[in-house]
Amino acid sequence: EVFLYQDFTLPVGAPSLSFTIAGLTSESDGDPPNAFGAALIDPLTS
């Protein structure tokens, strides 16, 4: 696993959080395949 994260406080009243996938590269089929994921979690409980 390769990861990137930041802990912060969600502002009161903010309607959404967004990010952009600007590009990606894939490989030939695997079992299981490589995969990307984005999560918004509690930093203490995950």
ModelCIF file with pLDDT and N, C-alpha, C, O atoms, coordinates in Angstrom:
data_MODEL
#
_entry.id   MODEL 
#
_entity.id                         1 
_entity.type                       polymer 
_entity.pdbx_number_of_molecules   1 
#
_entity_poly.entity_id                      1 
_entity_poly.type                           'polypeptide(L)' 
_entity_poly.nstd_linkage                   no 
_entity_poly.nstd_monomer                   no 
_entity_poly.pdbx_seq_one_letter_code       EVFLYQDFTLPVGAPSLSFTIAGLTSESDGDPPNAFGAALIDPLTS 
_entity_poly.pdbx_seq_one_letter_code_can   EVFLYQDFTLPVGAPSLSFTIAGLTSESDGDPPNAFGAALIDPLTS 
_entity_poly.pdbx_strand_id                 A 
#
loop_
_entity_poly_seq.entity_id 
_entity_poly_seq.num 
_entity_poly_seq.mon_id 
_entity_poly_seq.hetero 
1 1  GLU n 
1 2  VAL n 
1 3  PHE n 
1 4  LEU n 
1 5  TYR n 
1 6  GLN n 
1 7  ASP n 
1 8  PHE n 
1 9  THR n 
1 10 LEU n 
1 11 PRO n 
1 12 VAL n 
1 13 GLY n 
1 14 ALA n 
1 15 PRO n 
1 16 SER n 
1 17 LEU n 
1 18 SER n 
1 19 PHE n 
1 20 THR n 
1 21 ILE n 
1 22 ALA n 
1 23 GLY n 
1 24 LEU n 
1 25 THR n 
1 26 SER n 
1 27 GLU n 
1 28 SER n 
1 29 ASP n 
1 30 GLY n 
1 31 ASP n 
1 32 PRO n 
1 33 PRO n 
1 34 ASN n 
1 35 ALA n 
1 36 PHE n 
1 37 GLY n 
1 38 ALA n 
1 39 ALA n 
1 40 LEU n 
1 41 ILE n 
1 42 ASP n 
1 43 PRO n 
1 44 LEU n 
1 45 THR n 
1 46 SER n 
#
_struct_asym.id          A 
_struct_asym.entity_id   1 
#
loop_
_ma_qa_metric.id 
_ma_qa_metric.mode 
_ma_qa_metric.name 
_ma_qa_metric.software_group_id 
_ma_qa_metric.type 
1 global pLDDT . pLDDT 
2 local  pLDDT . pLDDT 
#
_ma_qa_metric_global.metric_id      1 
_ma_qa_metric_global.metric_value   92.15 
_ma_qa_metric_global.model_id       1 
_ma_qa_metric_global.ordinal_id     1 
#
loop_
_ma_qa_metric_local.label_asym_id 
_ma_qa_metric_local.label_comp_id 
_ma_qa_metric_local.label_seq_id 
_ma_qa_metric_local.metric_id 
_ma_qa_metric_local.metric_value 
_ma_qa_metric_local.model_id 
_ma_qa_metric_local.ordinal_id 
A GLU 1  2 94.00 1 1  
A VAL 2  2 96.00 1 2  
A PHE 3  2 98.00 1 3  
A LEU 4  2 98.00 1 4  
A TYR 5  2 98.00 1 5  
A GLN 6  2 98.00 1 6  
A ASP 7  2 98.00 1 7  
A PHE 8  2 98.00 1 8  
A THR 9  2 97.00 1 9  
A LEU 10 2 97.00 1 10 
A PRO 11 2 94.00 1 11 
A VAL 12 2 94.00 1 12 
A GLY 13 2 93.00 1 13 
A ALA 14 2 94.00 1 14 
A PRO 15 2 96.00 1 15 
A SER 16 2 97.00 1 16 
A LEU 17 2 98.00 1 17 
A SER 18 2 98.00 1 18 
A PHE 19 2 98.00 1 19 
A THR 20 2 98.00 1 20 
A ILE 21 2 98.00 1 21 
A ALA 22 2 97.00 1 22 
A GLY 23 2 96.00 1 23 
A LEU 24 2 94.00 1 24 
A THR 25 2 93.00 1 25 
A SER 26 2 88.00 1 26 
A GLU 27 2 77.00 1 27 
A SER 28 2 70.00 1 28 
A ASP 29 2 60.00 1 29 
A GLY 30 2 62.00 1 30 
A ASP 31 2 63.00 1 31 
A PRO 32 2 74.00 1 32 
A PRO 33 2 83.00 1 33 
A ASN 34 2 90.00 1 34 
A ALA 35 2 94.00 1 35 
A PHE 36 2 97.00 1 36 
A GLY 37 2 98.00 1 37 
A ALA 38 2 98.00 1 38 
A ALA 39 2 98.00 1 39 
A LEU 40 2 98.00 1 40 
A ILE 41 2 98.00 1 41 
A ASP 42 2 97.00 1 42 
A PRO 43 2 97.00 1 43 
A LEU 44 2 96.00 1 44 
A THR 45 2 96.00 1 45 
A SER 46 2 95.00 1 46 
#
loop_
_atom_site.group_PDB 
_atom_site.id 
_atom_site.type_symbol 
_atom_site.label_atom_id 
_atom_site.label_alt_id 
_atom_site.label_comp_id 
_atom_site.label_asym_id 
_atom_site.label_entity_id 
_atom_site.label_seq_id 
_atom_site.pdbx_PDB_ins_code 
_atom_site.Cartn_x 
_atom_site.Cartn_y 
_atom_site.Cartn_z 
_atom_site.occupancy 
_atom_site.B_iso_or_equiv 
_atom_site.pdbx_formal_charge 
_atom_site.auth_seq_id 
_atom_site.auth_comp_id 
_atom_site.auth_asym_id 
_atom_site.auth_atom_id 
_atom_site.pdbx_PDB_model_num 
ATOM 1   N N  . GLU A 1 1  ? 0.827   -1.201  0.000   1.00 94.00 ? 1  GLU A N  1 
ATOM 2   C CA . GLU A 1 1  ? 0.000   0.000   0.000   1.00 94.00 ? 1  GLU A CA 1 
ATOM 3   C C  . GLU A 1 1  ? 0.862   1.251   0.000   1.00 94.00 ? 1  GLU A C  1 
ATOM 4   O O  . GLU A 1 1  ? 1.811   1.362   0.775   1.00 94.00 ? 1  GLU A O  1 
ATOM 5   N N  . VAL A 1 2  ? 0.528   2.190   -0.870  1.00 96.00 ? 2  VAL A N  1 
ATOM 6   C CA . VAL A 1 2  ? 1.111   3.524   -0.879  1.00 96.00 ? 2  VAL A CA 1 
ATOM 7   C C  . VAL A 1 2  ? -0.011  4.487   -0.512  1.00 96.00 ? 2  VAL A C  1 
ATOM 8   O O  . VAL A 1 2  ? -1.088  4.444   -1.107  1.00 96.00 ? 2  VAL A O  1 
ATOM 9   N N  . PHE A 1 3  ? 0.239   5.362   0.473   1.00 98.00 ? 3  PHE A N  1 
ATOM 10  C CA . PHE A 1 3  ? -0.864  6.213   0.928   1.00 98.00 ? 3  PHE A CA 1 
ATOM 11  C C  . PHE A 1 3  ? -0.432  7.655   1.111   1.00 98.00 ? 3  PHE A C  1 
ATOM 12  O O  . PHE A 1 3  ? 0.751   7.979   1.222   1.00 98.00 ? 3  PHE A O  1 
ATOM 13  N N  . LEU A 1 4  ? -1.454  8.510   1.137   1.00 98.00 ? 4  LEU A N  1 
ATOM 14  C CA . LEU A 1 4  ? -1.325  9.947   1.344   1.00 98.00 ? 4  LEU A CA 1 
ATOM 15  C C  . LEU A 1 4  ? -2.531  10.371  2.158   1.00 98.00 ? 4  LEU A C  1 
ATOM 16  O O  . LEU A 1 4  ? -3.664  10.063  1.789   1.00 98.00 ? 4  LEU A O  1 
ATOM 17  N N  . TYR A 1 5  ? -2.304  11.086  3.279   1.00 98.00 ? 5  TYR A N  1 
ATOM 18  C CA . TYR A 1 5  ? -3.467  11.533  4.051   1.00 98.00 ? 5  TYR A CA 1 
ATOM 19  C C  . TYR A 1 5  ? -3.176  12.833  4.786   1.00 98.00 ? 5  TYR A C  1 
ATOM 20  O O  . TYR A 1 5  ? -2.027  13.241  4.954   1.00 98.00 ? 5  TYR A O  1 
ATOM 21  N N  . GLN A 1 6  ? -4.265  13.468  5.218   1.00 98.00 ? 6  GLN A N  1 
ATOM 22  C CA . GLN A 1 6  ? -4.182  14.666  6.048   1.00 98.00 ? 6  GLN A CA 1 
ATOM 23  C C  . GLN A 1 6  ? -5.324  14.658  7.047   1.00 98.00 ? 6  GLN A C  1 
ATOM 24  O O  . GLN A 1 6  ? -6.464  14.349  6.699   1.00 98.00 ? 6  GLN A O  1 
ATOM 25  N N  . ASP A 1 7  ? -5.009  15.002  8.305   1.00 98.00 ? 7  ASP A N  1 
ATOM 26  C CA . ASP A 1 7  ? -6.020  15.151  9.346   1.00 98.00 ? 7  ASP A CA 1 
ATOM 27  C C  . ASP A 1 7  ? -6.408  16.616  9.463   1.00 98.00 ? 7  ASP A C  1 
ATOM 28  O O  . ASP A 1 7  ? -5.551  17.498  9.419   1.00 98.00 ? 7  ASP A O  1 
ATOM 29  N N  . PHE A 1 8  ? -7.696  16.869  9.613   1.00 98.00 ? 8  PHE A N  1 
ATOM 30  C CA . PHE A 1 8  ? -8.188  18.243  9.709   1.00 98.00 ? 8  PHE A CA 1 
ATOM 31  C C  . PHE A 1 8  ? -9.561  18.220  10.368  1.00 98.00 ? 8  PHE A C  1 
ATOM 32  O O  . PHE A 1 8  ? -10.095 17.152  10.667  1.00 98.00 ? 8  PHE A O  1 
ATOM 33  N N  . THR A 1 9  ? -10.128 19.400  10.591  1.00 97.00 ? 9  THR A N  1 
ATOM 34  C CA . THR A 1 9  ? -11.465 19.513  11.162  1.00 97.00 ? 9  THR A CA 1 
ATOM 35  C C  . THR A 1 9  ? -12.444 19.952  10.086  1.00 97.00 ? 9  THR A C  1 
ATOM 36  O O  . THR A 1 9  ? -12.212 20.944  9.395   1.00 97.00 ? 9  THR A O  1 
ATOM 37  N N  . LEU A 1 10 ? -13.533 19.215  9.945   1.00 97.00 ? 10 LEU A N  1 
ATOM 38  C CA . LEU A 1 10 ? -14.542 19.573  8.948   1.00 97.00 ? 10 LEU A CA 1 
ATOM 39  C C  . LEU A 1 10 ? -15.241 20.863  9.362   1.00 97.00 ? 10 LEU A C  1 
ATOM 40  O O  . LEU A 1 10 ? -15.771 20.934  10.471  1.00 97.00 ? 10 LEU A O  1 
ATOM 41  N N  . PRO A 1 11 ? -15.259 21.877  8.515   1.00 94.00 ? 11 PRO A N  1 
ATOM 42  C CA . PRO A 1 11 ? -15.920 23.133  8.867   1.00 94.00 ? 11 PRO A CA 1 
ATOM 43  C C  . PRO A 1 11 ? -17.429 22.948  9.005   1.00 94.00 ? 11 PRO A C  1 
ATOM 44  O O  . PRO A 1 11 ? -18.037 22.158  8.284   1.00 94.00 ? 11 PRO A O  1 
ATOM 45  N N  . VAL A 1 12 ? -18.014 23.678  9.926   1.00 94.00 ? 12 VAL A N  1 
ATOM 46  C CA . VAL A 1 12 ? -19.464 23.659  10.083  1.00 94.00 ? 12 VAL A CA 1 
ATOM 47  C C  . VAL A 1 12 ? -20.096 24.312  8.853   1.00 94.00 ? 12 VAL A C  1 
ATOM 48  O O  . VAL A 1 12 ? -19.762 25.444  8.503   1.00 94.00 ? 12 VAL A O  1 
ATOM 49  N N  . GLY A 1 13 ? -20.996 23.602  8.212   1.00 93.00 ? 13 GLY A N  1 
ATOM 50  C CA . GLY A 1 13 ? -21.713 24.155  7.067   1.00 93.00 ? 13 GLY A CA 1 
ATOM 51  C C  . GLY A 1 13 ? -21.100 23.882  5.714   1.00 93.00 ? 13 GLY A C  1 
ATOM 52  O O  . GLY A 1 13 ? -21.718 24.187  4.693   1.00 93.00 ? 13 GLY A O  1 
ATOM 53  N N  . ALA A 1 14 ? -19.889 23.308  5.668   1.00 94.00 ? 14 ALA A N  1 
ATOM 54  C CA . ALA A 1 14 ? -19.283 22.998  4.367   1.00 94.00 ? 14 ALA A CA 1 
ATOM 55  C C  . ALA A 1 14 ? -20.082 21.878  3.699   1.00 94.00 ? 14 ALA A C  1 
ATOM 56  O O  . ALA A 1 14 ? -20.271 20.827  4.311   1.00 94.00 ? 14 ALA A O  1 
ATOM 57  N N  . PRO A 1 15 ? -20.549 22.063  2.482   1.00 96.00 ? 15 PRO A N  1 
ATOM 58  C CA . PRO A 1 15 ? -21.424 21.064  1.854   1.00 96.00 ? 15 PRO A CA 1 
ATOM 59  C C  . PRO A 1 15 ? -20.707 19.842  1.284   1.00 96.00 ? 15 PRO A C  1 
ATOM 60  O O  . PRO A 1 15 ? -21.300 18.767  1.202   1.00 96.00 ? 15 PRO A O  1 
ATOM 61  N N  . SER A 1 16 ? -19.429 19.989  0.884   1.00 97.00 ? 16 SER A N  1 
ATOM 62  C CA . SER A 1 16 ? -18.779 18.863  0.221   1.00 97.00 ? 16 SER A CA 1 
ATOM 63  C C  . SER A 1 16 ? -17.263 18.999  0.264   1.00 97.00 ? 16 SER A C  1 
ATOM 64  O O  . SER A 1 16 ? -16.713 20.072  0.509   1.00 97.00 ? 16 SER A O  1 
ATOM 65  N N  . LEU A 1 17 ? -16.614 17.870  0.015   1.00 98.00 ? 17 LEU A N  1 
ATOM 66  C CA . LEU A 1 17 ? -15.164 17.813  -0.172  1.00 98.00 ? 17 LEU A CA 1 
ATOM 67  C C  . LEU A 1 17 ? -14.920 17.154  -1.518  1.00 98.00 ? 17 LEU A C  1 
ATOM 68  O O  . LEU A 1 17 ? -15.578 16.174  -1.867  1.00 98.00 ? 17 LEU A O  1 
ATOM 69  N N  . SER A 1 18 ? -13.979 17.692  -2.268  1.00 98.00 ? 18 SER A N  1 
ATOM 70  C CA . SER A 1 18 ? -13.734 17.150  -3.610  1.00 98.00 ? 18 SER A CA 1 
ATOM 71  C C  . SER A 1 18 ? -12.247 17.027  -3.890  1.00 98.00 ? 18 SER A C  1 
ATOM 72  O O  . SER A 1 18 ? -11.420 17.667  -3.242  1.00 98.00 ? 18 SER A O  1 
ATOM 73  N N  . PHE A 1 19 ? -11.924 16.194  -4.865  1.00 98.00 ? 19 PHE A N  1 
ATOM 74  C CA . PHE A 1 19 ? -10.568 16.097  -5.383  1.00 98.00 ? 19 PHE A CA 1 
ATOM 75  C C  . PHE A 1 19 ? -10.663 15.709  -6.848  1.00 98.00 ? 19 PHE A C  1 
ATOM 76  O O  . PHE A 1 19 ? -11.708 15.257  -7.318  1.00 98.00 ? 19 PHE A O  1 
ATOM 77  N N  . THR A 1 20 ? -9.570  15.889  -7.559  1.00 98.00 ? 20 THR A N  1 
ATOM 78  C CA . THR A 1 20 ? -9.548  15.602  -8.993  1.00 98.00 ? 20 THR A CA 1 
ATOM 79  C C  . THR A 1 20 ? -8.506  14.540  -9.306  1.00 98.00 ? 20 THR A C  1 
ATOM 80  O O  . THR A 1 20 ? -7.358  14.635  -8.872  1.00 98.00 ? 20 THR A O  1 
ATOM 81  N N  . ILE A 1 21 ? -8.918  13.525  -10.066 1.00 98.00 ? 21 ILE A N  1 
ATOM 82  C CA . ILE A 1 21 ? -7.971  12.578  -10.635 1.00 98.00 ? 21 ILE A CA 1 
ATOM 83  C C  . ILE A 1 21 ? -7.500  13.182  -11.953 1.00 98.00 ? 21 ILE A C  1 
ATOM 84  O O  . ILE A 1 21 ? -8.246  13.233  -12.930 1.00 98.00 ? 21 ILE A O  1 
ATOM 85  N N  . ALA A 1 22 ? -6.241  13.641  -11.962 1.00 97.00 ? 22 ALA A N  1 
ATOM 86  C CA . ALA A 1 22 ? -5.713  14.310  -13.144 1.00 97.00 ? 22 ALA A CA 1 
ATOM 87  C C  . ALA A 1 22 ? -5.153  13.328  -14.159 1.00 97.00 ? 22 ALA A C  1 
ATOM 88  O O  . ALA A 1 22 ? -5.056  13.643  -15.345 1.00 97.00 ? 22 ALA A O  1 
ATOM 89  N N  . GLY A 1 23 ? -4.784  12.142  -13.698 1.00 96.00 ? 23 GLY A N  1 
ATOM 90  C CA . GLY A 1 23 ? -4.243  11.144  -14.605 1.00 96.00 ? 23 GLY A CA 1 
ATOM 91  C C  . GLY A 1 23 ? -4.012  9.837   -13.882 1.00 96.00 ? 23 GLY A C  1 
ATOM 92  O O  . GLY A 1 23 ? -3.966  9.799   -12.653 1.00 96.00 ? 23 GLY A O  1 
ATOM 93  N N  . LEU A 1 24 ? -3.867  8.770   -14.637 1.00 94.00 ? 24 LEU A N  1 
ATOM 94  C CA . LEU A 1 24 ? -3.567  7.467   -14.044 1.00 94.00 ? 24 LEU A CA 1 
ATOM 95  C C  . LEU A 1 24 ? -2.926  6.567   -15.082 1.00 94.00 ? 24 LEU A C  1 
ATOM 96  O O  . LEU A 1 24 ? -3.069  6.770   -16.288 1.00 94.00 ? 24 LEU A O  1 
ATOM 97  N N  . THR A 1 25 ? -2.221  5.573   -14.585 1.00 93.00 ? 25 THR A N  1 
ATOM 98  C CA . THR A 1 25 ? -1.666  4.534   -15.446 1.00 93.00 ? 25 THR A CA 1 
ATOM 99  C C  . THR A 1 25 ? -2.093  3.187   -14.896 1.00 93.00 ? 25 THR A C  1 
ATOM 100 O O  . THR A 1 25 ? -2.157  2.985   -13.683 1.00 93.00 ? 25 THR A O  1 
ATOM 101 N N  . SER A 1 26 ? -2.383  2.276   -15.799 1.00 88.00 ? 26 SER A N  1 
ATOM 102 C CA . SER A 1 26 ? -2.839  0.948   -15.421 1.00 88.00 ? 26 SER A CA 1 
ATOM 103 C C  . SER A 1 26 ? -1.837  -0.086  -15.887 1.00 88.00 ? 26 SER A C  1 
ATOM 104 O O  . SER A 1 26 ? -0.880  0.234   -16.593 1.00 88.00 ? 26 SER A O  1 
ATOM 105 N N  . GLU A 1 27 ? -2.061  -1.331  -15.488 1.00 77.00 ? 27 GLU A N  1 
ATOM 106 C CA . GLU A 1 27 ? -1.208  -2.420  -15.921 1.00 77.00 ? 27 GLU A CA 1 
ATOM 107 C C  . GLU A 1 27 ? -2.078  -3.555  -16.440 1.00 77.00 ? 27 GLU A C  1 
ATOM 108 O O  . GLU A 1 27 ? -3.306  -3.470  -16.414 1.00 77.00 ? 27 GLU A O  1 
ATOM 109 N N  . SER A 1 28 ? -1.446  -4.600  -16.903 1.00 70.00 ? 28 SER A N  1 
ATOM 110 C CA . SER A 1 28 ? -2.209  -5.754  -17.354 1.00 70.00 ? 28 SER A CA 1 
ATOM 111 C C  . SER A 1 28 ? -2.952  -6.372  -16.185 1.00 70.00 ? 28 SER A C  1 
ATOM 112 O O  . SER A 1 28 ? -2.604  -6.136  -15.028 1.00 70.00 ? 28 SER A O  1 
ATOM 113 N N  . ASP A 1 29 ? -3.945  -7.140  -16.475 1.00 60.00 ? 29 ASP A N  1 
ATOM 114 C CA . ASP A 1 29 ? -4.832  -7.707  -15.459 1.00 60.00 ? 29 ASP A CA 1 
ATOM 115 C C  . ASP A 1 29 ? -4.049  -8.475  -14.398 1.00 60.00 ? 29 ASP A C  1 
ATOM 116 O O  . ASP A 1 29 ? -3.073  -9.163  -14.698 1.00 60.00 ? 29 ASP A O  1 
ATOM 117 N N  . GLY A 1 30 ? -4.506  -8.340  -13.137 1.00 62.00 ? 30 GLY A N  1 
ATOM 118 C CA . GLY A 1 30 ? -3.888  -9.052  -12.029 1.00 62.00 ? 30 GLY A CA 1 
ATOM 119 C C  . GLY A 1 30 ? -4.950  -9.662  -11.136 1.00 62.00 ? 30 GLY A C  1 
ATOM 120 O O  . GLY A 1 30 ? -6.139  -9.392  -11.309 1.00 62.00 ? 30 GLY A O  1 
ATOM 121 N N  . ASP A 1 31 ? -4.531  -10.483 -10.182 1.00 63.00 ? 31 ASP A N  1 
ATOM 122 C CA . ASP A 1 31 ? -5.474  -11.140 -9.275  1.00 63.00 ? 31 ASP A CA 1 
ATOM 123 C C  . ASP A 1 31 ? -4.908  -11.114 -7.860  1.00 63.00 ? 31 ASP A C  1 
ATOM 124 O O  . ASP A 1 31 ? -4.047  -11.928 -7.528  1.00 63.00 ? 31 ASP A O  1 
ATOM 125 N N  . PRO A 1 32 ? -5.385  -10.179 -7.009  1.00 74.00 ? 32 PRO A N  1 
ATOM 126 C CA . PRO A 1 32 ? -6.344  -9.107  -7.318  1.00 74.00 ? 32 PRO A CA 1 
ATOM 127 C C  . PRO A 1 32 ? -5.677  -7.981  -8.086  1.00 74.00 ? 32 PRO A C  1 
ATOM 128 O O  . PRO A 1 32 ? -4.448  -7.918  -8.136  1.00 74.00 ? 32 PRO A O  1 
ATOM 129 N N  . PRO A 1 33 ? -6.463  -7.083  -8.690  1.00 83.00 ? 33 PRO A N  1 
ATOM 130 C CA . PRO A 1 33 ? -5.881  -6.002  -9.477  1.00 83.00 ? 33 PRO A CA 1 
ATOM 131 C C  . PRO A 1 33 ? -5.327  -4.908  -8.573  1.00 83.00 ? 33 PRO A C  1 
ATOM 132 O O  . PRO A 1 33 ? -5.684  -4.825  -7.398  1.00 83.00 ? 33 PRO A O  1 
ATOM 133 N N  . ASN A 1 34 ? -4.463  -4.081  -9.120  1.00 90.00 ? 34 ASN A N  1 
ATOM 134 C CA . ASN A 1 34 ? -4.103  -2.853  -8.432  1.00 90.00 ? 34 ASN A CA 1 
ATOM 135 C C  . ASN A 1 34 ? -5.341  -1.966  -8.361  1.00 90.00 ? 34 ASN A C  1 
ATOM 136 O O  . ASN A 1 34 ? -6.215  -2.039  -9.225  1.00 90.00 ? 34 ASN A O  1 
ATOM 137 N N  . ALA A 1 35 ? -5.409  -1.139  -7.339  1.00 94.00 ? 35 ALA A N  1 
ATOM 138 C CA . ALA A 1 35 ? -6.611  -0.329  -7.163  1.00 94.00 ? 35 ALA A CA 1 
ATOM 139 C C  . ALA A 1 35 ? -6.290  0.958   -6.425  1.00 94.00 ? 35 ALA A C  1 
ATOM 140 O O  . ALA A 1 35 ? -5.311  1.046   -5.684  1.00 94.00 ? 35 ALA A O  1 
ATOM 141 N N  . PHE A 1 36 ? -7.141  1.956   -6.646  1.00 97.00 ? 36 PHE A N  1 
ATOM 142 C CA . PHE A 1 36 ? -7.045  3.253   -5.975  1.00 97.00 ? 36 PHE A CA 1 
ATOM 143 C C  . PHE A 1 36 ? -8.317  3.463   -5.160  1.00 97.00 ? 36 PHE A C  1 
ATOM 144 O O  . PHE A 1 36 ? -9.403  3.066   -5.581  1.00 97.00 ? 36 PHE A O  1 
ATOM 145 N N  . GLY A 1 37 ? -8.179  4.083   -4.003  1.00 98.00 ? 37 GLY A N  1 
ATOM 146 C CA . GLY A 1 37 ? -9.349  4.388   -3.200  1.00 98.00 ? 37 GLY A CA 1 
ATOM 147 C C  . GLY A 1 37 ? -9.194  5.685   -2.445  1.00 98.00 ? 37 GLY A C  1 
ATOM 148 O O  . GLY A 1 37 ? -8.080  6.087   -2.109  1.00 98.00 ? 37 GLY A O  1 
ATOM 149 N N  . ALA A 1 38 ? -10.322 6.350   -2.173  1.00 98.00 ? 38 ALA A N  1 
ATOM 150 C CA . ALA A 1 38 ? -10.364 7.576   -1.382  1.00 98.00 ? 38 ALA A CA 1 
ATOM 151 C C  . ALA A 1 38 ? -11.350 7.369   -0.240  1.00 98.00 ? 38 ALA A C  1 
ATOM 152 O O  . ALA A 1 38 ? -12.471 6.911   -0.460  1.00 98.00 ? 38 ALA A O  1 
ATOM 153 N N  . ALA A 1 39 ? -10.938 7.703   0.975   1.00 98.00 ? 39 ALA A N  1 
ATOM 154 C CA . ALA A 1 39 ? -11.779 7.508   2.150   1.00 98.00 ? 39 ALA A CA 1 
ATOM 155 C C  . ALA A 1 39 ? -11.773 8.771   3.004   1.00 98.00 ? 39 ALA A C  1 
ATOM 156 O O  . ALA A 1 39 ? -10.791 9.514   3.022   1.00 98.00 ? 39 ALA A O  1 
ATOM 157 N N  . LEU A 1 40 ? -12.866 9.003   3.702   1.00 98.00 ? 40 LEU A N  1 
ATOM 158 C CA . LEU A 1 40 ? -12.963 10.078  4.692   1.00 98.00 ? 40 LEU A CA 1 
ATOM 159 C C  . LEU A 1 40 ? -13.333 9.408   6.009   1.00 98.00 ? 40 LEU A C  1 
ATOM 160 O O  . LEU A 1 40 ? -14.472 8.982   6.198   1.00 98.00 ? 40 LEU A O  1 
ATOM 161 N N  . ILE A 1 41 ? -12.367 9.318   6.917   1.00 98.00 ? 41 ILE A N  1 
ATOM 162 C CA . ILE A 1 41 ? -12.534 8.502   8.107   1.00 98.00 ? 41 ILE A CA 1 
ATOM 163 C C  . ILE A 1 41 ? -12.254 9.300   9.372   1.00 98.00 ? 41 ILE A C  1 
ATOM 164 O O  . ILE A 1 41 ? -11.658 10.376  9.333   1.00 98.00 ? 41 ILE A O  1 
ATOM 165 N N  . ASP A 1 42 ? -12.701 8.742   10.501  1.00 97.00 ? 42 ASP A N  1 
ATOM 166 C CA . ASP A 1 42 ? -12.339 9.262   11.810  1.00 97.00 ? 42 ASP A CA 1 
ATOM 167 C C  . ASP A 1 42 ? -10.877 8.893   12.060  1.00 97.00 ? 42 ASP A C  1 
ATOM 168 O O  . ASP A 1 42 ? -10.529 7.717   11.958  1.00 97.00 ? 42 ASP A O  1 
ATOM 169 N N  . PRO A 1 43 ? -10.004 9.861   12.385  1.00 97.00 ? 43 PRO A N  1 
ATOM 170 C CA . PRO A 1 43 ? -8.583  9.536   12.543  1.00 97.00 ? 43 PRO A CA 1 
ATOM 171 C C  . PRO A 1 43 ? -8.286  8.582   13.694  1.00 97.00 ? 43 PRO A C  1 
ATOM 172 O O  . PRO A 1 43 ? -7.263  7.896   13.671  1.00 97.00 ? 43 PRO A O  1 
ATOM 173 N N  . LEU A 1 44 ? -9.150  8.523   14.690  1.00 96.00 ? 44 LEU A N  1 
ATOM 174 C CA . LEU A 1 44 ? -8.891  7.682   15.851  1.00 96.00 ? 44 LEU A CA 1 
ATOM 175 C C  . LEU A 1 44 ? -9.447  6.272   15.702  1.00 96.00 ? 44 LEU A C  1 
ATOM 176 O O  . LEU A 1 44 ? -8.850  5.316   16.196  1.00 96.00 ? 44 LEU A O  1 
ATOM 177 N N  . THR A 1 45 ? -10.583 6.135   15.027  1.00 96.00 ? 45 THR A N  1 
ATOM 178 C CA . THR A 1 45 ? -11.224 4.823   14.921  1.00 96.00 ? 45 THR A CA 1 
ATOM 179 C C  . THR A 1 45 ? -11.066 4.186   13.547  1.00 96.00 ? 45 THR A C  1 
ATOM 180 O O  . THR A 1 45 ? -11.279 2.983   13.399  1.00 96.00 ? 45 THR A O  1 
ATOM 181 N N  . SER A 1 46 ? -10.697 4.969   12.544  1.00 95.00 ? 46 SER A N  1 
ATOM 182 C CA . SER A 1 46 ? -10.623 4.534   11.145  1.00 95.00 ? 46 SER A CA 1 
ATOM 183 C C  . SER A 1 46 ? -11.980 4.163   10.568  1.00 95.00 ? 46 SER A C  1 
ATOM 184 O O  . SER A 1 46 ? -12.071 3.780   9.401   1.00 95.00 ? 46 SER A O  1 
#
